[in-house]
Amino acid sequence: MTTVLVFLVLLVFIMLDLPIVVAIGLTAVSFFVGQGQGQFLALLPQRMHAGTTGFTLLAVPFFILAGNLMNTGGVTNRIFRFAKAFVGHIPGGLGHVSVVAEMLFSGISGSAVADAAGLGQVSYKAMTDNGYKKPVAAAIVAASATLGPIIPPSISFVLYGALTSVSVPRLFLAGFLPGALMGGAIMIAIALMAKPRGFPRYPRATAKELWIATKESFLSLLSIVIILGGIFTGIFTPTEAAVIACLYALFLGFLYKELKLKDLPEMFWVSIKQSVALLFIMAAANFFGWFIIYQKIPDNIIATLSGMSASGPGVMAMFIVIIIILGLFLEGNAIFLITIPIFIPIAVQYGFDLVNFGVVMTLLIMIGNLTPPVGMCLYAVSSFTKIKIGELSKEALPYLIGIFIVTIIIAYVPAISTCLPNLLMGVAK
């Protein structure tokens, strides 16, 4: 009964349009007070403080700053030109360029919304200037941006790792193949629509043009090698990699003469606001997670599922449905915050690999980013294209279907995501 009441109270607070952090905090506080256990409220500041003190979480503000620096400092433009030279000639032309450029930029940034707002504007302008209809171009940009949190480094993986104590480097490695499959699914959808809808494409680049594009983008692409190579070889931690990404982005911005000293205060302020919002969520998540465990909600759900003789595949299907429904109404970090304290004990009970489970959760959240009414990528793209959300979501449907198919495959064939971390880091114990 307590489990049902907790979710009903939380639902009421969310429907009142309270910020998610406030909603979960009030839910926990109201239950402690209602049960005559107000003394536990003294633990509120301690639990919230503990939720933000992990060394891993330091990576979040630095990756956010790195993405903002690269968007402003000319890195995104050079990566886009590189992708255009190599894949702009295939059917679907600039649509494929947008996907490939996003896959490359994901190796630097790690945020879907930042990618949509940064590289997305470059891709959108190039497509519309070359004959793509505006809603079509905008939908491709929104779908491509969802690759950001899957292909490492990923802010979502850092948050998941901090909340679950799962190795962040393992999560980063686990994202490569699902990210490639996801990008491939989006490109297949573009290719299938290219001829019927008359998507324009570029002439095949000459060897000289390929060389020029590679030379111009070399230093930008080198950042991927530095960041990921350093993490996977153990030279530095994900947190240290985020700091190095910031310094390298700063260096490139000044080298390319596209970043000015006067731009930095505003950029720092924007990054601080984005970071504080995420860290506040992490603080609330720690208190809410402790409250969920204290109320024995995961134990109650496990007992109910055991009584129903629920199977592992059935439980995974239940998780998928719940996260997709939540994704219609909540943004990704809020979904992590609410579900992880409940889902992780159940996932452990049913023998799910927590690395693969993190990848699946992130994929499902990316589906939510493409579905109204709270599709964050849709809103990010709509903000600079001025295209209505309804029209944008309709055009994004083929890519949404492709991402969903990939998600189901990853959910039920976990070896796809776990093979690289197991091969390079050994099987997790």
Protein backbone atom coordinates (compact mmCIF):
# COMPACT_ATOMS: atom_id res chain seq x y z
CA MET A 1 0.00 0.00 0.00
CA THR A 2 2.84 2.39 0.85
CA THR A 3 4.36 1.83 -2.60
CA VAL A 4 1.12 2.83 -4.34
CA LEU A 5 0.67 5.87 -2.11
CA VAL A 6 4.22 7.09 -2.78
CA PHE A 7 3.64 7.02 -6.53
CA LEU A 8 0.21 8.65 -6.24
CA VAL A 9 1.57 11.51 -4.12
CA LEU A 10 4.52 11.96 -6.49
CA LEU A 11 2.14 11.97 -9.47
CA VAL A 12 -0.02 14.66 -7.84
CA PHE A 13 3.01 16.90 -7.23
CA ILE A 14 4.19 16.42 -10.83
CA MET A 15 0.71 17.21 -12.19
CA LEU A 16 0.78 20.42 -10.13
CA ASP A 17 3.71 21.37 -12.40
CA LEU A 18 6.22 21.51 -9.57
CA PRO A 19 9.90 21.16 -10.55
CA ILE A 20 10.82 17.49 -10.34
CA VAL A 21 13.38 18.13 -7.60
CA VAL A 22 10.71 19.81 -5.46
CA ALA A 23 8.16 17.09 -6.25
CA ILE A 24 10.31 14.20 -5.07
CA GLY A 25 11.55 16.14 -2.06
CA LEU A 26 8.01 16.97 -0.94
CA THR A 27 6.96 13.36 -1.47
CA ALA A 28 9.66 12.09 0.87
CA VAL A 29 9.12 14.85 3.44
CA SER A 30 5.33 14.39 3.49
CA PHE A 31 5.65 10.65 4.15
CA PHE A 32 8.15 11.09 6.96
CA VAL A 33 5.93 13.72 8.61
CA GLY A 34 2.75 11.71 7.99
CA GLN A 35 4.29 8.59 9.54
CA GLY A 36 5.42 10.54 12.61
CA GLN A 37 9.08 10.20 11.65
CA GLY A 38 9.92 13.86 11.27
CA GLN A 39 13.26 13.29 12.99
CA PHE A 40 14.55 11.85 9.72
CA LEU A 41 14.26 15.29 8.12
CA ALA A 42 17.48 16.16 9.95
CA LEU A 43 19.18 13.83 7.47
CA LEU A 44 17.91 15.80 4.47
CA PRO A 45 20.90 18.19 4.15
CA GLN A 46 23.36 15.37 4.85
CA ARG A 47 21.89 13.08 2.18
CA MET A 48 21.68 15.89 -0.37
CA HIS A 49 25.27 16.94 0.31
CA ALA A 50 26.44 13.32 -0.04
CA GLY A 51 24.76 13.15 -3.44
CA THR A 52 27.05 15.81 -4.88
CA THR A 53 30.42 14.93 -3.35
CA GLY A 54 31.42 12.08 -5.66
CA PHE A 55 34.62 12.71 -7.64
CA THR A 56 32.95 11.28 -10.76
CA LEU A 57 30.31 14.01 -10.73
CA LEU A 58 33.00 16.67 -11.25
CA ALA A 59 33.05 15.50 -14.87
CA VAL A 60 29.54 16.84 -15.49
CA PRO A 61 30.19 20.62 -15.36
CA PHE A 62 33.44 20.26 -17.29
CA PHE A 63 31.85 18.22 -20.12
CA ILE A 64 29.06 20.81 -20.29
CA LEU A 65 31.64 23.61 -20.54
CA ALA A 66 33.67 21.67 -23.14
CA GLY A 67 30.59 21.26 -25.34
CA ASN A 68 29.78 24.97 -25.12
CA LEU A 69 33.38 25.94 -25.90
CA MET A 70 33.49 23.67 -28.95
CA ASN A 71 30.17 24.93 -30.28
CA THR A 72 31.42 28.52 -30.09
CA GLY A 73 35.05 27.88 -31.00
CA GLY A 74 34.60 26.49 -34.51
CA VAL A 75 35.06 22.78 -33.75
CA THR A 76 31.52 21.84 -34.82
CA ASN A 77 31.86 23.57 -38.21
CA ARG A 78 35.06 21.70 -39.03
CA ILE A 79 33.64 18.33 -37.99
CA PHE A 80 30.58 18.98 -40.19
CA ARG A 81 32.74 19.84 -43.22
CA PHE A 82 34.78 16.67 -42.66
CA ALA A 83 31.63 14.50 -42.59
CA LYS A 84 30.24 16.28 -45.66
CA ALA A 85 33.36 15.52 -47.68
CA PHE A 86 33.20 11.80 -46.92
CA VAL A 87 29.46 10.95 -46.95
CA GLY A 88 27.73 13.92 -48.59
CA HIS A 89 27.52 12.11 -51.95
CA ILE A 90 25.54 9.02 -50.85
CA PRO A 91 21.71 8.93 -51.19
CA GLY A 92 20.36 11.13 -48.45
CA GLY A 93 23.35 13.45 -48.74
CA LEU A 94 23.38 16.02 -46.00
CA GLY A 95 21.05 13.94 -43.83
CA HIS A 96 23.82 11.36 -43.52
CA VAL A 97 26.34 14.15 -42.98
CA SER A 98 24.31 15.35 -40.00
CA VAL A 99 24.31 11.85 -38.47
CA VAL A 100 28.02 11.17 -39.05
CA ALA A 101 29.01 14.63 -37.80
CA GLU A 102 26.92 14.04 -34.68
CA MET A 103 28.54 10.64 -34.10
CA LEU A 104 31.95 12.32 -34.26
CA PHE A 105 30.94 15.28 -32.11
CA SER A 106 29.43 12.88 -29.55
CA GLY A 107 32.99 11.76 -28.90
CA ILE A 108 33.62 15.23 -27.48
CA SER A 109 30.36 16.56 -26.08
CA GLY A 110 27.98 13.98 -24.56
CA SER A 111 24.77 16.00 -24.32
CA ALA A 112 21.80 15.64 -26.67
CA VAL A 113 20.35 19.10 -26.07
CA ALA A 114 23.75 20.82 -26.39
CA ASP A 115 24.42 18.94 -29.62
CA ALA A 116 21.01 19.88 -31.03
CA ALA A 117 21.59 23.54 -30.20
CA GLY A 118 25.22 23.62 -31.40
CA LEU A 119 26.06 21.25 -34.26
CA GLY A 120 22.34 21.04 -35.02
CA GLN A 121 22.21 24.66 -36.18
CA VAL A 122 25.13 24.07 -38.55
CA SER A 123 23.47 20.95 -40.00
CA TYR A 124 20.05 22.58 -40.29
CA LYS A 125 21.36 25.61 -42.18
CA ALA A 126 23.36 23.42 -44.58
CA MET A 127 20.36 21.21 -45.34
CA THR A 128 17.84 24.02 -45.84
CA ASP A 129 20.31 25.98 -47.99
CA ASN A 130 20.58 22.93 -50.26
CA GLY A 131 16.89 22.25 -50.80
CA TYR A 132 15.74 20.21 -47.80
CA LYS A 133 12.31 21.16 -46.50
CA LYS A 134 12.61 22.82 -43.11
CA PRO A 135 10.59 20.23 -41.10
CA VAL A 136 12.56 17.38 -42.70
CA ALA A 137 15.92 18.99 -41.91
CA ALA A 138 14.83 19.82 -38.36
CA ALA A 139 13.68 16.23 -37.71
CA ILE A 140 17.02 14.83 -38.90
CA VAL A 141 18.86 17.24 -36.61
CA ALA A 142 16.70 16.26 -33.61
CA ALA A 143 17.14 12.53 -34.26
CA SER A 144 20.89 12.90 -34.77
CA ALA A 145 21.27 14.79 -31.50
CA THR A 146 20.04 11.77 -29.53
CA LEU A 147 23.34 10.05 -30.35
CA GLY A 148 25.15 12.44 -27.99
CA PRO A 149 24.42 10.62 -24.71
CA ILE A 150 25.01 7.14 -26.20
CA ILE A 151 28.39 7.51 -27.89
CA PRO A 152 31.03 8.32 -25.23
CA PRO A 153 31.80 10.47 -23.44
CA SER A 154 28.27 10.78 -22.10
CA ILE A 155 26.93 12.96 -19.31
CA SER A 156 24.03 10.52 -18.91
CA PHE A 157 26.47 7.64 -18.33
CA VAL A 158 28.36 9.73 -15.76
CA LEU A 159 25.11 10.41 -13.88
CA TYR A 160 24.02 6.77 -14.07
CA GLY A 161 27.44 5.61 -12.89
CA ALA A 162 27.37 8.05 -9.98
CA LEU A 163 23.88 6.91 -8.94
CA THR A 164 24.58 3.18 -9.23
CA SER A 165 28.35 2.89 -8.56
CA VAL A 166 28.77 1.26 -11.98
CA SER A 167 32.16 1.92 -13.64
CA VAL A 168 31.90 4.96 -15.92
CA PRO A 169 34.68 3.75 -18.30
CA ARG A 170 32.76 0.46 -18.70
CA LEU A 171 29.63 2.43 -19.53
CA PHE A 172 31.55 4.53 -22.05
CA LEU A 173 32.86 1.42 -23.80
CA ALA A 174 29.40 -0.13 -23.72
CA GLY A 175 27.97 2.82 -25.64
CA PHE A 176 30.06 2.41 -28.79
CA LEU A 177 28.25 -0.44 -30.56
CA PRO A 178 24.71 0.63 -29.55
CA GLY A 179 25.59 4.15 -30.71
CA ALA A 180 26.83 2.81 -34.05
CA LEU A 181 23.65 0.73 -34.46
CA MET A 182 21.52 3.73 -33.53
CA GLY A 183 23.32 5.95 -36.03
CA GLY A 184 22.99 3.20 -38.65
CA ALA A 185 19.24 2.93 -38.02
CA ILE A 186 18.78 6.68 -38.50
CA MET A 187 20.87 6.58 -41.70
CA ILE A 188 18.84 3.64 -43.06
CA ALA A 189 15.64 5.62 -42.48
CA ILE A 190 17.17 8.60 -44.31
CA ALA A 191 18.30 6.39 -47.21
CA LEU A 192 14.85 4.80 -47.56
CA MET A 193 13.22 8.24 -47.79
CA ALA A 194 15.94 9.85 -49.93
CA LYS A 195 14.65 8.91 -53.39
CA PRO A 196 10.87 9.14 -52.81
CA ARG A 197 11.19 12.53 -51.13
CA GLY A 198 13.96 13.84 -53.36
CA PHE A 199 16.63 14.51 -50.76
CA PRO A 200 19.47 16.39 -52.53
CA ARG A 201 23.08 15.28 -52.20
CA TYR A 202 26.54 16.67 -52.92
CA PRO A 203 28.80 15.56 -55.77
CA ARG A 204 31.43 13.05 -54.69
CA ALA A 205 34.40 14.87 -53.18
CA THR A 206 37.72 14.69 -55.02
CA ALA A 207 40.85 13.34 -53.36
CA LYS A 208 42.06 16.92 -52.96
CA GLU A 209 38.81 17.98 -51.26
CA LEU A 210 38.99 14.98 -48.92
CA TRP A 211 42.55 15.91 -48.00
CA ILE A 212 41.64 19.56 -47.33
CA ALA A 213 38.65 18.57 -45.16
CA THR A 214 40.80 16.13 -43.20
CA LYS A 215 43.61 18.65 -42.73
CA GLU A 216 41.24 21.40 -41.57
CA SER A 217 39.43 19.15 -39.09
CA PHE A 218 42.44 17.14 -37.87
CA LEU A 219 42.95 19.03 -34.62
CA SER A 220 39.21 18.95 -33.90
CA LEU A 221 39.05 15.19 -34.49
CA LEU A 222 42.20 14.70 -32.43
CA SER A 223 40.21 15.75 -29.36
CA ILE A 224 38.21 12.50 -29.64
CA VAL A 225 41.43 10.47 -29.53
CA ILE A 226 42.80 12.49 -26.61
CA ILE A 227 39.63 12.26 -24.50
CA LEU A 228 38.61 8.65 -25.13
CA GLY A 229 42.14 7.32 -25.58
CA GLY A 230 43.19 8.83 -22.27
CA ILE A 231 40.21 7.33 -20.44
CA PHE A 232 40.47 3.83 -21.87
CA THR A 233 44.25 3.57 -21.48
CA GLY A 234 43.97 4.68 -17.86
CA ILE A 235 46.10 7.79 -18.35
CA PHE A 236 43.37 9.85 -16.75
CA THR A 237 39.92 9.41 -15.23
CA PRO A 238 36.67 10.56 -16.89
CA THR A 239 36.71 13.60 -14.61
CA GLU A 240 40.27 14.51 -15.61
CA ALA A 241 39.32 13.87 -19.25
CA ALA A 242 36.52 16.43 -18.94
CA VAL A 243 38.99 19.05 -17.67
CA ILE A 244 41.41 18.26 -20.51
CA ALA A 245 38.51 18.53 -22.99
CA CYS A 246 37.82 22.06 -21.70
CA LEU A 247 41.45 23.13 -21.99
CA TYR A 248 41.78 21.64 -25.48
CA ALA A 249 38.51 23.27 -26.62
CA LEU A 250 39.76 26.60 -25.26
CA PHE A 251 43.05 26.16 -27.13
CA LEU A 252 41.27 25.31 -30.42
CA GLY A 253 38.85 28.22 -30.09
CA PHE A 254 41.71 30.71 -29.81
CA LEU A 255 43.77 28.90 -32.47
CA TYR A 256 40.88 29.06 -34.96
CA LYS A 257 40.34 32.72 -33.94
CA GLU A 258 36.62 32.07 -33.45
CA LEU A 259 36.63 32.40 -29.66
CA LYS A 260 37.17 35.79 -28.02
CA LEU A 261 38.00 36.59 -24.40
CA LYS A 262 34.80 38.63 -24.18
CA ASP A 263 32.79 35.46 -25.01
CA LEU A 264 34.07 33.55 -21.98
CA PRO A 265 32.11 35.16 -19.10
CA GLU A 266 28.75 34.49 -20.77
CA MET A 267 29.82 30.95 -21.70
CA PHE A 268 30.98 30.22 -18.16
CA TRP A 269 27.73 31.58 -16.74
CA VAL A 270 25.58 29.44 -19.06
CA SER A 271 27.65 26.36 -18.20
CA ILE A 272 27.37 27.10 -14.47
CA LYS A 273 23.57 27.34 -14.68
CA GLN A 274 23.33 24.06 -16.61
CA SER A 275 25.69 22.33 -14.18
CA VAL A 276 23.96 23.56 -11.03
CA ALA A 277 20.62 22.31 -12.33
CA LEU A 278 22.07 18.81 -12.85
CA LEU A 279 23.91 18.72 -9.53
CA PHE A 280 20.78 19.85 -7.67
CA ILE A 281 18.99 16.90 -9.26
CA MET A 282 21.77 14.59 -8.06
CA ALA A 283 21.46 15.98 -4.52
CA ALA A 284 17.72 15.37 -4.45
CA ALA A 285 18.19 11.93 -6.03
CA ASN A 286 20.39 10.81 -3.17
CA PHE A 287 17.80 11.76 -0.54
CA PHE A 288 14.93 10.28 -2.58
CA GLY A 289 16.88 7.06 -3.15
CA TRP A 290 17.49 6.69 0.59
CA PHE A 291 13.77 7.35 1.24
CA ILE A 292 12.76 4.69 -1.32
CA ILE A 293 15.03 2.10 0.29
CA TYR A 294 13.87 3.03 3.82
CA GLN A 295 10.25 2.51 2.75
CA LYS A 296 11.27 -0.91 1.28
CA ILE A 297 9.60 -0.07 -2.02
CA PRO A 298 12.03 -2.14 -4.17
CA ASP A 299 11.57 -5.11 -1.80
CA ASN A 300 7.78 -4.81 -2.07
CA ILE A 301 7.92 -4.72 -5.88
CA ILE A 302 10.30 -7.70 -6.01
CA ALA A 303 7.97 -9.67 -3.73
CA THR A 304 5.00 -8.82 -5.96
CA LEU A 305 6.86 -9.83 -9.13
CA SER A 306 8.03 -13.07 -7.51
CA GLY A 307 4.45 -13.85 -6.53
CA MET A 308 3.43 -13.35 -10.14
CA SER A 309 6.29 -15.64 -11.30
CA ALA A 310 7.50 -12.82 -13.53
CA SER A 311 10.37 -13.74 -15.86
CA GLY A 312 13.46 -11.67 -16.65
CA PRO A 313 12.29 -10.79 -20.19
CA GLY A 314 8.88 -9.84 -18.83
CA VAL A 315 10.41 -7.56 -16.20
CA MET A 316 12.61 -5.93 -18.85
CA ALA A 317 9.50 -5.32 -20.98
CA MET A 318 7.84 -3.72 -17.96
CA PHE A 319 10.84 -1.42 -17.46
CA ILE A 320 10.77 -0.43 -21.14
CA VAL A 321 7.07 0.45 -21.07
CA ILE A 322 7.39 2.45 -17.83
CA ILE A 323 10.38 4.50 -19.02
CA ILE A 324 8.76 5.24 -22.39
CA ILE A 325 5.60 6.46 -20.63
CA LEU A 326 7.66 8.58 -18.21
CA GLY A 327 9.59 9.94 -21.20
CA LEU A 328 6.39 11.48 -22.52
CA PHE A 329 6.12 13.74 -19.48
CA LEU A 330 9.57 14.02 -17.85
CA GLU A 331 13.05 14.95 -19.03
CA GLY A 332 15.84 12.38 -18.86
CA ASN A 333 17.58 13.35 -15.63
CA ALA A 334 14.25 13.32 -13.79
CA ILE A 335 13.59 9.79 -15.06
CA PHE A 336 16.99 8.65 -13.77
CA LEU A 337 16.24 10.30 -10.45
CA ILE A 338 12.85 8.62 -9.96
CA THR A 339 13.48 5.16 -11.40
CA ILE A 340 17.06 4.19 -10.51
CA PRO A 341 16.49 3.76 -6.75
CA ILE A 342 13.56 1.46 -7.56
CA PHE A 343 14.72 -0.32 -10.71
CA ILE A 344 18.32 -1.17 -9.79
CA PRO A 345 17.52 -3.55 -6.88
CA ILE A 346 14.96 -5.28 -9.11
CA ALA A 347 17.46 -5.48 -11.99
CA VAL A 348 20.04 -7.05 -9.66
CA GLN A 349 17.45 -9.53 -8.35
CA TYR A 350 16.68 -10.67 -11.91
CA GLY A 351 20.32 -10.89 -12.93
CA PHE A 352 20.42 -8.02 -15.41
CA ASP A 353 23.84 -6.65 -16.33
CA LEU A 354 23.85 -3.14 -14.86
CA VAL A 355 26.15 -1.81 -17.59
CA ASN A 356 23.76 -2.94 -20.32
CA PHE A 357 20.81 -1.76 -18.24
CA GLY A 358 22.33 1.74 -18.12
CA VAL A 359 22.68 1.75 -21.91
CA VAL A 360 19.07 0.58 -22.34
CA MET A 361 17.77 3.23 -19.92
CA THR A 362 19.68 5.95 -21.79
CA LEU A 363 18.35 4.73 -25.16
CA LEU A 364 14.80 4.81 -23.81
CA ILE A 365 15.32 8.32 -22.48
CA MET A 366 16.52 9.35 -25.95
CA ILE A 367 13.21 8.05 -27.32
CA GLY A 368 11.55 10.37 -24.81
CA ASN A 369 13.67 13.23 -26.17
CA LEU A 370 11.92 12.75 -29.53
CA THR A 371 8.35 12.42 -28.24
CA PRO A 372 6.04 15.27 -27.25
CA PRO A 373 4.90 16.86 -25.04
CA VAL A 374 8.29 17.04 -23.25
CA GLY A 375 10.73 15.98 -25.99
CA MET A 376 13.83 17.98 -25.07
CA CYS A 377 15.53 17.55 -28.46
CA LEU A 378 12.32 18.58 -30.23
CA TYR A 379 12.14 21.77 -28.16
CA ALA A 380 15.85 22.52 -28.60
CA VAL A 381 15.52 22.27 -32.40
CA SER A 382 12.16 24.06 -32.47
CA SER A 383 13.69 26.99 -30.57
CA PHE A 384 15.95 27.95 -33.49
CA THR A 385 13.94 26.58 -36.44
CA LYS A 386 10.56 27.99 -35.29
CA ILE A 387 8.88 24.77 -36.46
CA LYS A 388 5.89 23.57 -34.43
CA ILE A 389 6.48 20.57 -32.17
CA GLY A 390 3.63 18.58 -33.76
CA GLU A 391 5.04 18.96 -37.27
CA LEU A 392 8.55 18.19 -36.06
CA SER A 393 7.55 15.05 -34.15
CA LYS A 394 5.63 13.75 -37.19
CA GLU A 395 8.73 14.07 -39.39
CA ALA A 396 10.88 12.42 -36.68
CA LEU A 397 8.67 9.30 -36.48
CA PRO A 398 10.72 7.11 -38.91
CA TYR A 399 13.90 7.79 -36.92
CA LEU A 400 12.04 7.14 -33.67
CA ILE A 401 11.00 3.72 -34.94
CA GLY A 402 14.60 2.90 -35.89
CA ILE A 403 15.90 3.92 -32.45
CA PHE A 404 13.17 1.86 -30.75
CA ILE A 405 14.12 -1.26 -32.74
CA VAL A 406 17.77 -0.82 -31.76
CA THR A 407 16.75 -0.37 -28.11
CA ILE A 408 14.78 -3.64 -28.08
CA ILE A 409 17.73 -5.48 -29.64
CA ILE A 410 20.17 -4.09 -27.05
CA ALA A 411 17.75 -4.86 -24.19
CA TYR A 412 17.43 -8.53 -25.12
CA VAL A 413 20.92 -9.11 -26.56
CA PRO A 414 23.08 -7.51 -23.84
CA ALA A 415 26.29 -8.96 -25.32
CA ILE A 416 26.17 -6.23 -27.97
CA SER A 417 26.88 -3.54 -25.38
CA THR A 418 28.92 -5.59 -22.91
CA CYS A 419 31.34 -7.24 -25.35
CA LEU A 420 33.72 -4.26 -25.61
CA PRO A 421 34.00 -3.53 -21.86
CA ASN A 422 34.36 -7.26 -21.12
CA LEU A 423 37.02 -7.63 -23.83
CA LEU A 424 39.09 -4.58 -22.90
CA MET A 425 38.50 -4.37 -19.14
CA GLY A 426 37.68 -7.95 -18.23
CA VAL A 427 34.36 -9.38 -17.09
CA ALA A 428 32.88 -7.36 -14.22
CA LYS A 429 32.63 -9.26 -10.93
